[in-house]
């Protein structure tokens, strides 16, 4: 039995990077969503722009998470016999 150690290390490194990226992007989406739902005392100044920008950032982060998950499922399914 021969183990391709280089391939195993490569898969481990790519998996760790992908999981870290996914967790960071999801966390940023949660923070942006929380900021978009924070009640504002006044709507004068930057408060009027911050809420839609935070909501757009949250949607973008969650879409990126869904895309990464979908790509991972695609890789698994396409390489199965």
N, C-alpha and C. Protein backbone atom coordinates (compact mmCIF):
# COMPACT_ATOMS: atom_id res chain seq x y z
N UNK A 1 0.84 -1.17 0.00
CA UNK A 1 0.00 0.00 0.00
C UNK A 1 0.89 1.24 0.00
N UNK A 2 0.63 2.12 -0.94
CA UNK A 2 1.43 3.34 -1.07
C UNK A 2 0.55 4.55 -0.77
N UNK A 3 1.03 5.43 0.09
CA UNK A 3 0.31 6.65 0.44
C UNK A 3 1.02 7.82 -0.22
N UNK A 4 0.27 8.61 -0.94
CA UNK A 4 0.80 9.81 -1.57
C UNK A 4 0.79 10.93 -0.52
N UNK A 5 1.89 11.08 0.19
CA UNK A 5 1.97 12.04 1.29
C UNK A 5 1.83 13.48 0.81
N UNK A 6 2.40 13.76 -0.34
CA UNK A 6 2.30 15.12 -0.87
C UNK A 6 0.83 15.47 -1.15
N UNK A 7 0.10 14.54 -1.73
CA UNK A 7 -1.32 14.76 -2.00
C UNK A 7 -2.13 14.90 -0.72
N UNK A 8 -1.79 14.12 0.28
CA UNK A 8 -2.50 14.19 1.55
C UNK A 8 -2.27 15.54 2.23
N UNK A 9 -1.03 16.01 2.24
CA UNK A 9 -0.72 17.31 2.83
C UNK A 9 -1.41 18.43 2.06
N UNK A 10 -1.42 18.30 0.74
CA UNK A 10 -2.07 19.31 -0.10
C UNK A 10 -3.56 19.40 0.21
N UNK A 11 -4.22 18.27 0.34
CA UNK A 11 -5.65 18.25 0.66
C UNK A 11 -5.89 18.85 2.04
N UNK A 12 -5.05 18.52 3.01
CA UNK A 12 -5.21 19.06 4.37
C UNK A 12 -5.04 20.57 4.39
N UNK A 13 -4.04 21.09 3.68
CA UNK A 13 -3.80 22.53 3.67
C UNK A 13 -4.95 23.26 2.98
N UNK A 14 -5.39 22.76 1.84
CA UNK A 14 -6.49 23.40 1.12
C UNK A 14 -7.77 23.35 1.95
N UNK A 15 -8.00 22.25 2.64
CA UNK A 15 -9.19 22.14 3.50
C UNK A 15 -9.14 23.13 4.65
N UNK A 16 -7.99 23.25 5.29
CA UNK A 16 -7.87 24.21 6.39
C UNK A 16 -8.06 25.64 5.93
N UNK A 17 -7.50 25.98 4.78
CA UNK A 17 -7.66 27.34 4.25
C UNK A 17 -9.12 27.60 3.89
N UNK A 18 -9.77 26.64 3.24
CA UNK A 18 -11.16 26.81 2.84
C UNK A 18 -12.08 26.94 4.05
N UNK A 19 -11.86 26.12 5.06
CA UNK A 19 -12.71 26.19 6.26
C UNK A 19 -12.49 27.51 7.00
N UNK A 20 -11.25 27.94 7.09
CA UNK A 20 -10.96 29.22 7.74
C UNK A 20 -11.62 30.37 6.99
N UNK A 21 -11.51 30.36 5.67
CA UNK A 21 -12.15 31.39 4.86
C UNK A 21 -13.66 31.37 5.03
N UNK A 22 -14.25 30.20 5.04
CA UNK A 22 -15.69 30.08 5.20
C UNK A 22 -16.14 30.61 6.56
N UNK A 23 -15.43 30.28 7.61
CA UNK A 23 -15.80 30.74 8.95
C UNK A 23 -15.64 32.26 9.07
N UNK A 24 -14.58 32.81 8.51
CA UNK A 24 -14.36 34.26 8.58
C UNK A 24 -15.44 35.00 7.80
N UNK A 25 -15.75 34.54 6.61
CA UNK A 25 -16.77 35.21 5.79
C UNK A 25 -18.14 35.10 6.45
N UNK A 26 -18.47 33.94 7.00
CA UNK A 26 -19.75 33.79 7.68
C UNK A 26 -19.83 34.69 8.91
N UNK A 27 -18.74 34.79 9.65
CA UNK A 27 -18.71 35.67 10.83
C UNK A 27 -18.87 37.12 10.44
N UNK A 28 -18.23 37.53 9.36
CA UNK A 28 -18.40 38.91 8.88
C UNK A 28 -19.85 39.15 8.45
N UNK A 29 -20.47 38.15 7.86
CA UNK A 29 -21.88 38.28 7.50
C UNK A 29 -22.78 38.43 8.71
N UNK A 30 -22.49 37.69 9.77
CA UNK A 30 -23.28 37.80 11.00
C UNK A 30 -23.11 39.20 11.61
N UNK A 31 -21.87 39.70 11.64
CA UNK A 31 -21.62 41.04 12.19
C UNK A 31 -22.32 42.10 11.36
N UNK A 32 -22.25 41.99 10.05
CA UNK A 32 -22.91 42.96 9.18
C UNK A 32 -24.42 42.90 9.34
N UNK A 33 -24.98 41.71 9.48
CA UNK A 33 -26.41 41.57 9.68
C UNK A 33 -26.83 42.18 11.01
N UNK A 34 -26.05 41.99 12.04
CA UNK A 34 -26.37 42.58 13.35
C UNK A 34 -26.30 44.10 13.28
N UNK A 35 -25.34 44.63 12.55
CA UNK A 35 -25.24 46.09 12.42
C UNK A 35 -26.37 46.67 11.59
N UNK A 36 -26.88 45.90 10.64
CA UNK A 36 -27.96 46.41 9.81
C UNK A 36 -29.28 46.43 10.58
N UNK A 37 -29.40 45.63 11.61
CA UNK A 37 -30.64 45.57 12.39
C UNK A 37 -30.56 46.36 13.69
N UNK A 38 -29.43 46.98 13.96
CA UNK A 38 -29.28 47.78 15.18
C UNK A 38 -30.17 49.02 15.08
N UNK A 39 -30.98 49.28 16.10
CA UNK A 39 -31.82 50.47 16.04
C UNK A 39 -30.98 51.74 16.10
N UNK A 40 -31.35 52.70 15.30
CA UNK A 40 -30.62 53.96 15.24
C UNK A 40 -31.37 55.02 16.04
N UNK A 41 -30.64 55.81 16.78
CA UNK A 41 -31.26 56.91 17.53
C UNK A 41 -31.63 58.05 16.59
N UNK A 42 -30.77 58.29 15.62
CA UNK A 42 -31.05 59.35 14.65
C UNK A 42 -30.67 58.86 13.26
N UNK A 43 -31.33 59.39 12.28
CA UNK A 43 -31.03 59.00 10.91
C UNK A 43 -30.28 60.10 10.18
N UNK A 44 -29.74 61.03 10.92
CA UNK A 44 -29.00 62.13 10.32
C UNK A 44 -27.55 61.71 10.16
N UNK A 45 -26.96 62.06 9.07
CA UNK A 45 -25.55 61.76 8.86
C UNK A 45 -25.35 60.41 8.21
N UNK A 46 -24.38 59.66 8.70
CA UNK A 46 -24.00 58.39 8.08
C UNK A 46 -24.94 57.26 8.45
N UNK A 47 -25.84 57.45 9.39
CA UNK A 47 -26.74 56.38 9.80
C UNK A 47 -27.66 55.92 8.69
N UNK A 48 -28.04 56.82 7.80
CA UNK A 48 -28.93 56.47 6.72
C UNK A 48 -28.27 55.59 5.67
N UNK A 49 -26.96 55.66 5.54
CA UNK A 49 -26.24 54.87 4.55
C UNK A 49 -25.73 53.56 5.15
N UNK A 50 -25.46 53.55 6.43
CA UNK A 50 -24.83 52.39 7.06
C UNK A 50 -25.74 51.17 7.05
N UNK A 51 -27.03 51.35 7.23
CA UNK A 51 -27.93 50.20 7.32
C UNK A 51 -28.02 49.47 5.97
N UNK A 52 -28.27 50.14 4.86
CA UNK A 52 -28.30 49.39 3.59
C UNK A 52 -26.94 48.80 3.21
N UNK A 53 -25.87 49.50 3.53
CA UNK A 53 -24.53 48.99 3.23
C UNK A 53 -24.23 47.74 4.05
N UNK A 54 -24.61 47.76 5.32
CA UNK A 54 -24.40 46.60 6.17
C UNK A 54 -25.24 45.42 5.69
N UNK A 55 -26.47 45.68 5.27
CA UNK A 55 -27.32 44.60 4.77
C UNK A 55 -26.76 44.03 3.47
N UNK A 56 -26.26 44.89 2.60
CA UNK A 56 -25.67 44.42 1.34
C UNK A 56 -24.41 43.59 1.62
N UNK A 57 -23.62 44.02 2.59
CA UNK A 57 -22.43 43.26 2.97
C UNK A 57 -22.80 41.89 3.53
N UNK A 58 -23.84 41.84 4.35
CA UNK A 58 -24.29 40.57 4.92
C UNK A 58 -24.77 39.63 3.81
N UNK A 59 -25.55 40.15 2.89
CA UNK A 59 -26.05 39.32 1.78
C UNK A 59 -24.89 38.81 0.93
N UNK A 60 -23.91 39.67 0.66
CA UNK A 60 -22.76 39.27 -0.12
C UNK A 60 -21.95 38.19 0.59
N UNK A 61 -21.75 38.34 1.89
CA UNK A 61 -21.00 37.33 2.66
C UNK A 61 -21.73 35.99 2.67
N UNK A 62 -23.04 36.01 2.87
CA UNK A 62 -23.79 34.76 2.90
C UNK A 62 -23.85 34.12 1.51
N UNK A 63 -23.90 34.94 0.46
CA UNK A 63 -23.87 34.39 -0.90
C UNK A 63 -22.52 33.74 -1.18
N UNK A 64 -21.45 34.35 -0.69
CA UNK A 64 -20.12 33.76 -0.87
C UNK A 64 -20.01 32.44 -0.12
N UNK A 65 -20.59 32.38 1.08
CA UNK A 65 -20.59 31.11 1.84
C UNK A 65 -21.36 30.03 1.08
N UNK A 66 -22.51 30.40 0.52
CA UNK A 66 -23.28 29.43 -0.24
C UNK A 66 -22.53 28.97 -1.49
N UNK A 67 -21.83 29.90 -2.13
CA UNK A 67 -21.05 29.55 -3.31
C UNK A 67 -19.90 28.61 -2.96
N UNK A 68 -19.22 28.88 -1.86
CA UNK A 68 -18.13 27.99 -1.43
C UNK A 68 -18.66 26.61 -1.07
N UNK A 69 -19.78 26.55 -0.38
CA UNK A 69 -20.37 25.26 -0.05
C UNK A 69 -20.82 24.51 -1.29
N UNK A 70 -21.44 25.21 -2.22
CA UNK A 70 -21.86 24.59 -3.46
C UNK A 70 -20.69 24.08 -4.29
N UNK A 71 -19.61 24.85 -4.30
CA UNK A 71 -18.42 24.42 -5.04
C UNK A 71 -17.82 23.17 -4.41
N UNK A 72 -17.81 23.11 -3.08
CA UNK A 72 -17.31 21.92 -2.39
C UNK A 72 -18.14 20.69 -2.70
N UNK A 73 -19.46 20.86 -2.71
CA UNK A 73 -20.35 19.74 -3.06
C UNK A 73 -20.13 19.33 -4.52
N UNK A 74 -19.94 20.32 -5.39
CA UNK A 74 -19.66 20.01 -6.79
C UNK A 74 -18.37 19.19 -6.94
N UNK A 75 -17.34 19.58 -6.20
CA UNK A 75 -16.08 18.83 -6.28
C UNK A 75 -16.25 17.40 -5.79
N UNK A 76 -17.01 17.21 -4.72
CA UNK A 76 -17.21 15.87 -4.18
C UNK A 76 -18.00 15.01 -5.15
N UNK A 77 -19.08 15.57 -5.69
CA UNK A 77 -19.95 14.80 -6.57
C UNK A 77 -19.27 14.51 -7.91
N UNK A 78 -18.53 15.47 -8.44
CA UNK A 78 -17.92 15.27 -9.75
C UNK A 78 -16.79 14.25 -9.73
N UNK A 79 -16.15 14.03 -8.57
CA UNK A 79 -15.06 13.08 -8.48
C UNK A 79 -15.48 11.72 -7.93
N UNK A 80 -16.77 11.56 -7.68
CA UNK A 80 -17.22 10.25 -7.19
C UNK A 80 -17.42 9.31 -8.38
N UNK A 81 -17.19 8.03 -8.16
CA UNK A 81 -17.32 7.08 -9.29
C UNK A 81 -18.73 6.84 -9.72
